[in-house]
Amino acid sequence: MSAISGNCETDSRSDNDTEVLTAFSRAKGERMDKLKHFMTQRVVVGTILAIALLWMFQTVIGLLYRHPEGKPTGTTETVVVQQPAAAPQHSEKTATQPHETSSAQGQSTGTEHAAVQQTSTPASAAKPSDAAHGETPAASSHQGGAASSHGQTAQVDTHGTKPAAQAKHVPGVAFIHSVVKPLRYELDERFWGWRPNDILNVTDNVNNFQLGVLETTRRTIVILAEKISRTGSVEAFDKNVEHAMDWIMTKPDRYWFPSPEDRYTDALNDLLIYADRLQKGMAQFYTRADNIIPLLQAYINLIGSCEENLVKETEPWGEPVSWFRVDDYFYYSKGVAAALYSMLEGVENDFHQIIETRRGTGLLHHAIESCKRASEIEPWMVTDADLGGILANHRANMAAPLSHVRFYLEMLVAALST
């Protein structure tokens, strides 16, 4: 009996120990769950705070590195009205042009192109520096009388009450605004803004169009910094154009640190400051033939690259051009054509005298017309059918006008080189 009683007491103690261990384990598990919940909350809150602090830090750094002069503002408006020339006209812009902007940023639609430019210079202060360093003056061809084939520049009061004194055309201002216009539209006016760095990349057609606009703007700013805003290899870079060249080189697919939208906006603002300094006679813009030839050659090289992508049947690694790359090549080339359409009009405005002297006005008109045709190709769906088939080959359709642009620009370079 004593043995049985001892076994019962042992079993009772074992049951009690088991219950204690179970309760202890349960309490320990509850404490661990509370600890995990506590830590999860702190990690989530800490992550959110860290992201917010990083964003504030990046914003402060961006403000510190933004050019101190800021975007130029002013009390007067300079209205450049281009009258139809006797040479073949590239007629009014259509509503389908992808980089059309409001009249405050560029040229309005119609047979008479008007560019409204915000400046901070009164009419009496707008003086060009035509004869500096022996440059060819480009303003005389834009003054009144029979010699004016592209228009005159006049300043009007911002309230629109009465026109101010007629101002002299300043070479470079119209060209700078034509360079700023396409990319400014993609950044500020395009629905959903800049898209190549979107996390959800579902609009590859617009993305590639914007990349084409960006590449054309980049090459233009580089030539502007190295050739057009300075003469020779010993003159210092213009500070605003050099800053713009630095900002515009930011990778387009970066999401943050820095964001391309902010850097590209800084670049365009620096270009507008440069244009404002041109109005005040504080900067240089050289319109000689040896300044414009590198710009046209850069355009020729870019168009040649687009042509290769539009006509090739196999990739460099031997595979056929895939259906997924066909529309990428198409819309990238369309972006290049749309940007060139605006920038070549700026070339026509500010380099008119030297081009007309070398009998290249007609060639430039044909190049602009071909850019216009390329930028107006808007298929519902890009197809890459056989050249003799029923369906369209949109790559070939885009390559045709671009090849005309390249041909006319090469002829213009040859004319300017003589």
Protein backbone atom coordinates (compact mmCIF):
# COMPACT_ATOMS: atom_id res chain seq x y z
CA MET A 1 0.00 0.00 0.00
CA SER A 2 2.84 2.34 0.83
CA ALA A 3 4.31 1.70 -2.63
CA ILE A 4 1.00 2.46 -4.28
CA SER A 5 0.64 5.64 -2.21
CA GLY A 6 4.16 6.71 -3.20
CA ASN A 7 3.40 6.18 -6.87
CA CYS A 8 0.23 8.27 -6.55
CA GLU A 9 2.13 11.07 -4.88
CA THR A 10 4.77 10.91 -7.63
CA ASP A 11 2.12 11.04 -10.36
CA SER A 12 0.45 13.98 -8.62
CA ARG A 13 3.74 15.87 -8.42
CA SER A 14 4.42 15.05 -12.06
CA ASP A 15 1.00 16.40 -13.07
CA ASN A 16 1.60 19.53 -11.02
CA ASP A 17 5.04 20.00 -12.61
CA THR A 18 3.52 19.52 -16.07
CA GLU A 19 0.84 22.10 -15.36
CA VAL A 20 3.45 24.55 -14.08
CA LEU A 21 5.65 24.01 -17.12
CA THR A 22 2.67 24.39 -19.41
CA ALA A 23 1.62 27.63 -17.70
CA PHE A 24 5.19 28.90 -17.82
CA SER A 25 5.47 28.06 -21.52
CA ARG A 26 2.14 29.73 -22.21
CA ALA A 27 3.19 32.86 -20.33
CA LYS A 28 6.54 32.84 -22.13
CA GLY A 29 4.79 32.50 -25.48
CA GLU A 30 2.47 35.38 -24.66
CA ARG A 31 5.43 37.54 -23.66
CA MET A 32 7.22 36.65 -26.91
CA ASP A 33 4.12 37.50 -28.93
CA LYS A 34 3.85 40.86 -27.17
CA LEU A 35 7.55 41.47 -27.78
CA LYS A 36 7.23 40.60 -31.47
CA HIS A 37 4.19 42.87 -31.80
CA PHE A 38 6.05 45.65 -29.98
CA MET A 39 9.14 45.27 -32.17
CA THR A 40 7.07 45.09 -35.36
CA GLN A 41 5.36 48.36 -34.52
CA ARG A 42 8.67 50.01 -33.72
CA VAL A 43 10.32 48.71 -36.91
CA VAL A 44 7.45 49.94 -39.09
CA VAL A 45 7.36 53.36 -37.40
CA GLY A 46 11.15 53.60 -37.53
CA THR A 47 11.20 52.74 -41.22
CA ILE A 48 8.57 55.37 -41.99
CA LEU A 49 10.46 57.98 -39.98
CA ALA A 50 13.74 57.05 -41.69
CA ILE A 51 12.16 57.41 -45.15
CA ALA A 52 10.65 60.76 -44.15
CA LEU A 53 14.01 61.99 -42.84
CA LEU A 54 15.82 60.85 -45.99
CA TRP A 55 13.23 62.63 -48.13
CA MET A 56 13.63 65.83 -46.09
CA PHE A 57 17.41 65.52 -46.32
CA GLN A 58 17.27 65.05 -50.09
CA THR A 59 14.94 68.04 -50.45
CA VAL A 60 17.24 70.27 -48.37
CA ILE A 61 20.30 69.14 -50.35
CA GLY A 62 18.43 69.81 -53.61
CA LEU A 63 17.55 73.32 -52.44
CA LEU A 64 21.13 73.99 -51.36
CA TYR A 65 22.55 72.84 -54.69
CA ARG A 66 19.89 74.53 -56.78
CA HIS A 67 21.34 77.52 -58.61
CA PRO A 68 21.08 80.53 -56.27
CA GLU A 69 19.80 82.87 -58.93
CA GLY A 70 16.64 80.82 -59.39
CA LYS A 71 14.27 80.97 -62.30
CA PRO A 72 14.20 84.40 -63.97
CA THR A 73 11.08 86.44 -63.45
CA GLY A 74 10.19 89.83 -64.75
CA THR A 75 7.75 92.56 -65.39
CA THR A 76 7.74 92.59 -69.15
CA GLU A 77 7.01 90.08 -71.87
CA THR A 78 8.94 89.71 -75.10
CA VAL A 79 6.73 88.60 -77.95
CA VAL A 80 8.50 87.21 -81.00
CA VAL A 81 6.18 87.15 -84.00
CA GLN A 82 7.44 85.30 -87.02
CA GLN A 83 6.00 86.48 -90.32
CA PRO A 84 5.74 84.05 -93.25
CA ALA A 85 8.89 84.08 -95.37
CA ALA A 86 9.16 84.04 -99.12
CA ALA A 87 10.92 80.69 -98.96
CA PRO A 88 8.92 77.44 -98.74
CA GLN A 89 6.94 77.46 -95.54
CA HIS A 90 6.61 74.78 -92.95
CA SER A 91 2.99 75.43 -92.19
CA GLU A 92 1.11 75.54 -88.94
CA LYS A 93 1.68 73.05 -86.18
CA THR A 94 -0.97 70.47 -85.71
CA ALA A 95 -2.72 69.60 -82.48
CA THR A 96 -1.20 66.11 -82.53
CA GLN A 97 2.32 67.44 -82.00
CA PRO A 98 3.33 65.70 -78.77
CA HIS A 99 5.40 68.57 -77.39
CA GLU A 100 2.97 71.44 -77.92
CA THR A 101 2.88 73.76 -74.90
CA SER A 102 0.90 76.77 -73.84
CA SER A 103 1.68 80.17 -75.27
CA ALA A 104 3.61 81.06 -72.13
CA GLN A 105 6.22 78.41 -72.89
CA GLY A 106 6.55 78.27 -76.62
CA GLN A 107 4.97 78.96 -79.96
CA SER A 108 1.23 78.95 -80.53
CA THR A 109 -0.53 77.14 -83.35
CA GLY A 110 -1.36 78.96 -86.57
CA THR A 111 0.36 80.17 -89.65
CA GLU A 112 2.05 82.94 -87.66
CA HIS A 113 4.15 81.36 -84.89
CA ALA A 114 4.26 83.43 -81.69
CA ALA A 115 6.53 82.81 -78.73
CA VAL A 116 5.78 84.57 -75.49
CA GLN A 117 8.93 84.75 -73.36
CA GLN A 118 9.05 85.96 -69.75
CA THR A 119 12.01 88.24 -69.07
CA SER A 120 13.09 90.60 -66.37
CA THR A 121 14.56 93.19 -68.71
CA PRO A 122 12.83 96.44 -69.67
CA ALA A 123 12.77 97.45 -73.30
CA SER A 124 15.62 99.89 -72.88
CA ALA A 125 17.97 97.24 -71.42
CA ALA A 126 17.65 94.55 -74.10
CA LYS A 127 20.93 94.91 -75.97
CA PRO A 128 22.64 92.17 -77.95
CA SER A 129 26.38 91.68 -78.14
CA ASP A 130 26.56 91.05 -81.88
CA ALA A 131 30.04 92.30 -82.59
CA ALA A 132 31.73 90.76 -79.57
CA HIS A 133 34.84 88.79 -80.46
CA GLY A 134 34.22 89.44 -84.13
CA GLU A 135 31.04 87.36 -84.36
CA THR A 136 28.68 87.76 -87.27
CA PRO A 137 25.68 89.89 -86.22
CA ALA A 138 22.44 87.97 -86.67
CA ALA A 139 19.95 90.64 -85.68
CA SER A 140 19.84 92.67 -88.88
CA SER A 141 17.99 89.96 -90.78
CA HIS A 142 15.14 90.12 -88.27
CA GLN A 143 14.51 93.88 -88.42
CA GLY A 144 11.75 95.57 -90.37
CA GLY A 145 11.52 96.24 -94.09
CA ALA A 146 12.17 93.89 -96.98
CA ALA A 147 15.06 92.20 -95.15
CA SER A 148 12.80 90.73 -92.47
CA SER A 149 11.69 87.22 -93.45
CA HIS A 150 11.23 85.68 -90.01
CA GLY A 151 9.73 88.41 -87.88
CA GLN A 152 10.48 91.15 -85.41
CA THR A 153 10.82 91.27 -81.66
CA ALA A 154 8.70 93.68 -79.69
CA GLN A 155 8.09 94.11 -75.98
CA VAL A 156 4.64 94.66 -74.59
CA ASP A 157 3.43 95.69 -71.17
CA THR A 158 2.36 92.74 -69.02
CA HIS A 159 -1.05 94.33 -68.51
CA GLY A 160 -1.54 94.50 -72.27
CA THR A 161 -2.49 98.19 -72.18
CA LYS A 162 -0.13 99.48 -74.85
CA PRO A 163 3.01 98.24 -76.65
CA ALA A 164 6.41 99.35 -75.39
CA ALA A 165 9.28 100.54 -77.54
CA GLN A 166 10.38 98.11 -80.22
CA ALA A 167 13.38 96.06 -79.09
CA LYS A 168 16.21 94.63 -81.10
CA HIS A 169 16.33 90.89 -81.69
CA VAL A 170 18.80 89.17 -79.38
CA PRO A 171 20.41 86.08 -80.98
CA GLY A 172 20.09 82.96 -78.88
CA VAL A 173 16.95 83.71 -76.88
CA ALA A 174 14.54 82.04 -79.30
CA PHE A 175 16.89 79.06 -79.68
CA ILE A 176 17.13 78.54 -75.91
CA HIS A 177 13.35 78.58 -75.56
CA SER A 178 13.04 76.07 -78.41
CA VAL A 179 15.48 73.79 -76.55
CA VAL A 180 13.62 74.10 -73.25
CA LYS A 181 10.15 73.60 -74.72
CA PRO A 182 10.02 69.81 -75.51
CA LEU A 183 11.51 68.55 -72.24
CA ARG A 184 9.57 71.10 -70.18
CA TYR A 185 6.36 69.68 -71.62
CA GLU A 186 7.34 66.13 -70.69
CA LEU A 187 8.19 67.15 -67.13
CA ASP A 188 5.38 69.57 -66.29
CA GLU A 189 2.51 69.14 -68.72
CA ARG A 190 2.54 65.49 -69.72
CA PHE A 191 -0.03 63.50 -67.74
CA TRP A 192 1.78 61.57 -65.01
CA GLY A 193 4.96 63.54 -65.71
CA TRP A 194 8.33 61.87 -66.17
CA ARG A 195 7.82 58.11 -66.50
CA PRO A 196 11.08 56.20 -67.21
CA ASN A 197 11.76 55.99 -63.45
CA ASP A 198 8.27 54.86 -62.43
CA ILE A 199 8.16 51.80 -60.17
CA LEU A 200 5.21 50.43 -62.14
CA ASN A 201 6.44 50.73 -65.70
CA VAL A 202 3.34 50.16 -67.84
CA THR A 203 3.62 52.96 -70.43
CA ASP A 204 6.75 52.01 -72.33
CA ASN A 205 5.70 53.94 -75.45
CA VAL A 206 5.62 57.27 -73.62
CA ASN A 207 8.76 56.29 -71.72
CA ASN A 208 10.75 55.78 -74.92
CA PHE A 209 9.32 58.95 -76.46
CA GLN A 210 10.57 60.88 -73.42
CA LEU A 211 13.99 59.23 -73.67
CA GLY A 212 14.23 60.40 -77.29
CA VAL A 213 13.37 63.96 -76.26
CA LEU A 214 15.92 63.78 -73.44
CA GLU A 215 18.75 62.53 -75.66
CA THR A 216 18.16 65.29 -78.21
CA THR A 217 18.12 67.90 -75.45
CA ARG A 218 21.32 66.48 -73.95
CA ARG A 219 23.26 66.66 -77.18
CA THR A 220 22.03 70.19 -77.83
CA ILE A 221 23.09 71.43 -74.39
CA VAL A 222 26.54 69.84 -74.74
CA ILE A 223 27.16 71.63 -78.04
CA LEU A 224 25.71 74.83 -76.57
CA ALA A 225 28.17 74.63 -73.68
CA GLU A 226 31.23 73.62 -75.71
CA LYS A 227 30.75 75.52 -78.97
CA ILE A 228 27.93 78.04 -79.24
CA SER A 229 28.21 79.89 -75.91
CA ARG A 230 31.99 80.25 -76.20
CA THR A 231 34.51 80.83 -78.96
CA GLY A 232 37.64 78.75 -79.28
CA SER A 233 39.04 76.28 -76.76
CA VAL A 234 40.46 78.84 -74.33
CA GLU A 235 37.29 80.72 -73.37
CA ALA A 236 35.65 79.78 -70.07
CA PHE A 237 32.37 77.86 -70.04
CA ASP A 238 29.26 79.87 -69.33
CA LYS A 239 28.34 79.05 -65.73
CA ASN A 240 24.62 78.50 -66.35
CA VAL A 241 25.07 76.39 -69.46
CA GLU A 242 27.74 74.33 -67.72
CA HIS A 243 25.37 73.70 -64.79
CA ALA A 244 22.62 72.73 -67.20
CA MET A 245 24.98 70.28 -68.92
CA ASP A 246 25.78 68.68 -65.55
CA TRP A 247 22.15 68.39 -64.42
CA ILE A 248 20.86 66.99 -67.72
CA MET A 249 23.26 64.03 -67.51
CA THR A 250 21.39 62.48 -64.56
CA LYS A 251 20.25 58.92 -65.37
CA PRO A 252 16.61 58.99 -66.46
CA ASP A 253 15.60 55.85 -64.54
CA ARG A 254 16.87 56.92 -61.12
CA TYR A 255 14.09 57.06 -58.57
CA TRP A 256 15.83 59.11 -55.91
CA PHE A 257 19.12 60.70 -54.80
CA PRO A 258 18.78 62.60 -57.05
CA SER A 259 15.48 62.33 -58.86
CA PRO A 260 15.81 63.05 -62.60
CA GLU A 261 12.73 65.30 -62.57
CA ASP A 262 14.40 67.73 -60.16
CA ARG A 263 17.73 67.72 -61.96
CA TYR A 264 16.19 68.19 -65.40
CA THR A 265 14.09 71.06 -64.06
CA ASP A 266 17.27 72.63 -62.66
CA ALA A 267 18.91 72.27 -66.07
CA LEU A 268 16.04 73.98 -67.89
CA ASN A 269 15.94 76.77 -65.30
CA ASP A 270 19.65 77.38 -65.80
CA LEU A 271 19.07 77.65 -69.55
CA LEU A 272 16.34 80.23 -68.95
CA ILE A 273 18.71 82.21 -66.73
CA TYR A 274 21.24 82.08 -69.57
CA ALA A 275 18.59 83.39 -71.98
CA ASP A 276 17.78 86.18 -69.53
CA ARG A 277 21.47 87.11 -69.37
CA LEU A 278 21.56 87.16 -73.17
CA GLN A 279 18.74 89.71 -73.10
CA LYS A 280 20.78 91.87 -70.72
CA GLY A 281 23.98 91.57 -72.77
CA MET A 282 25.72 89.61 -69.99
CA ALA A 283 26.29 86.38 -71.96
CA GLN A 284 27.51 85.33 -75.39
CA PHE A 285 25.84 83.40 -78.21
CA TYR A 286 27.95 82.95 -81.34
CA THR A 287 26.17 82.47 -84.66
CA ARG A 288 29.12 81.73 -86.92
CA ALA A 289 29.15 78.71 -89.23
CA ASP A 290 31.83 76.91 -87.19
CA ASN A 291 29.51 77.11 -84.16
CA ILE A 292 26.40 75.69 -85.78
CA ILE A 293 28.11 72.90 -87.77
CA PRO A 294 28.91 70.78 -84.64
CA LEU A 295 25.27 71.10 -83.54
CA LEU A 296 23.94 69.90 -86.89
CA GLN A 297 26.51 67.10 -86.95
CA ALA A 298 25.34 65.94 -83.51
CA TYR A 299 21.78 65.82 -84.85
CA ILE A 300 22.95 63.85 -87.90
CA ASN A 301 24.68 61.26 -85.70
CA LEU A 302 21.62 60.88 -83.48
CA ILE A 303 19.30 60.45 -86.48
CA GLY A 304 21.71 57.91 -87.97
CA SER A 305 21.44 55.82 -84.80
CA CYS A 306 17.65 56.00 -84.95
CA GLU A 307 17.67 54.96 -88.61
CA GLU A 308 19.75 51.87 -87.84
CA ASN A 309 17.28 50.77 -85.17
CA LEU A 310 14.36 51.39 -87.53
CA VAL A 311 15.66 49.38 -90.49
CA LYS A 312 17.70 46.55 -88.95
CA GLU A 313 16.27 43.03 -88.99
CA THR A 314 18.59 41.47 -86.39
CA GLU A 315 20.14 42.71 -83.19
CA PRO A 316 23.96 42.95 -82.86
CA TRP A 317 23.97 39.62 -80.99
CA GLY A 318 22.29 37.85 -83.92
CA GLU A 319 18.69 37.53 -82.73
CA PRO A 320 15.82 38.95 -84.81
CA VAL A 321 14.36 42.24 -83.60
CA SER A 322 11.68 41.18 -81.15
CA TRP A 323 8.12 42.43 -81.22
CA PHE A 324 8.69 44.02 -77.79
CA ARG A 325 11.56 46.16 -79.13
CA VAL A 326 9.84 47.32 -82.31
CA ASP A 327 7.64 49.91 -80.59
CA ASP A 328 10.54 50.98 -78.34
CA TYR A 329 12.64 51.90 -81.38
CA PHE A 330 9.64 53.57 -83.03
CA TYR A 331 8.67 55.84 -80.14
CA TYR A 332 12.26 56.71 -79.23
CA SER A 333 12.78 57.91 -82.82
CA LYS A 334 9.50 59.81 -82.69
CA GLY A 335 10.68 61.60 -79.55
CA VAL A 336 13.90 62.57 -81.33
CA ALA A 337 11.93 63.91 -84.31
CA ALA A 338 9.53 65.89 -82.10
CA ALA A 339 12.38 67.53 -80.18
CA LEU A 340 14.30 68.29 -83.38
CA TYR A 341 11.21 69.93 -84.85
CA SER A 342 11.27 72.52 -82.08
CA MET A 343 15.05 72.96 -81.96
CA LEU A 344 15.54 73.32 -85.71
CA GLU A 345 12.96 76.11 -85.66
CA GLY A 346 15.16 77.80 -83.06
CA VAL A 347 18.14 77.30 -85.38
CA GLU A 348 16.15 78.86 -88.22
CA ASN A 349 15.33 81.88 -86.07
CA ASP A 350 18.74 82.68 -84.59
CA PHE A 351 21.13 81.37 -87.27
CA HIS A 352 19.08 82.69 -90.15
CA GLN A 353 21.64 85.14 -91.48
CA ILE A 354 24.58 82.74 -91.80
CA ILE A 355 22.33 80.02 -93.25
CA GLU A 356 20.81 82.38 -95.80
CA THR A 357 24.26 83.66 -96.74
CA ARG A 358 25.33 80.10 -97.58
CA ARG A 359 22.05 79.44 -99.47
CA GLY A 360 20.90 76.83 -96.98
CA THR A 361 17.49 78.22 -96.02
CA GLY A 362 15.60 75.84 -98.28
CA LEU A 363 17.53 72.84 -96.97
CA LEU A 364 16.68 73.74 -93.37
CA HIS A 365 13.00 74.19 -94.29
CA HIS A 366 12.92 70.71 -95.81
CA ALA A 367 14.55 69.23 -92.69
CA ILE A 368 11.97 70.92 -90.46
CA GLU A 369 9.10 69.67 -92.63
CA SER A 370 10.45 66.11 -92.45
CA CYS A 371 10.71 66.31 -88.65
CA LYS A 372 7.11 67.48 -88.58
CA ARG A 373 5.95 64.52 -90.69
CA ALA A 374 7.84 62.05 -88.50
CA SER A 375 6.40 63.51 -85.29
CA GLU A 376 2.85 63.24 -86.66
CA ILE A 377 2.94 59.47 -87.26
CA GLU A 378 0.52 58.16 -84.64
CA PRO A 379 -0.49 54.51 -85.18
CA TRP A 380 -3.09 52.83 -83.01
CA MET A 381 -0.74 49.87 -82.73
CA VAL A 382 2.83 49.60 -83.97
CA THR A 383 3.20 46.77 -86.46
CA ASP A 384 6.36 45.48 -88.10
CA ALA A 385 4.90 43.64 -91.08
CA ASP A 386 6.69 42.69 -94.26
CA LEU A 387 7.41 45.66 -96.51
CA GLY A 388 5.23 44.13 -99.22
CA GLY A 389 2.48 42.90 -96.91
CA ILE A 390 -1.01 44.19 -96.13
CA LEU A 391 -0.20 45.54 -92.67
CA ALA A 392 2.04 48.56 -92.15
CA ASN A 393 5.69 48.48 -91.23
CA HIS A 394 5.76 51.47 -88.88
CA ARG A 395 9.50 51.32 -88.37
CA ALA A 396 9.96 51.83 -92.11
CA ASN A 397 7.33 54.60 -92.08
CA MET A 398 9.31 56.42 -89.40
CA ALA A 399 12.68 55.78 -91.07
CA ALA A 400 11.64 57.48 -94.34
CA PRO A 401 11.16 61.07 -93.05
CA LEU A 402 14.11 60.73 -90.67
CA SER A 403 16.36 59.75 -93.56
CA HIS A 404 15.19 62.94 -95.31
CA VAL A 405 16.08 64.97 -92.21
CA ARG A 406 19.56 63.47 -92.13
CA PHE A 407 20.06 64.06 -95.86
CA TYR A 408 19.04 67.73 -95.73
CA LEU A 409 21.12 68.39 -92.62
CA GLU A 410 24.16 66.80 -94.28
CA MET A 411 23.60 69.02 -97.31
CA LEU A 412 23.28 72.04 -95.01
CA VAL A 413 26.54 71.16 -93.23
CA ALA A 414 28.25 70.88 -96.61
CA ALA A 415 26.88 74.30 -97.61
CA LEU A 416 28.02 75.89 -94.35
CA SER A 417 31.47 74.32 -94.67
CA THR A 418 32.24 76.06 -97.97
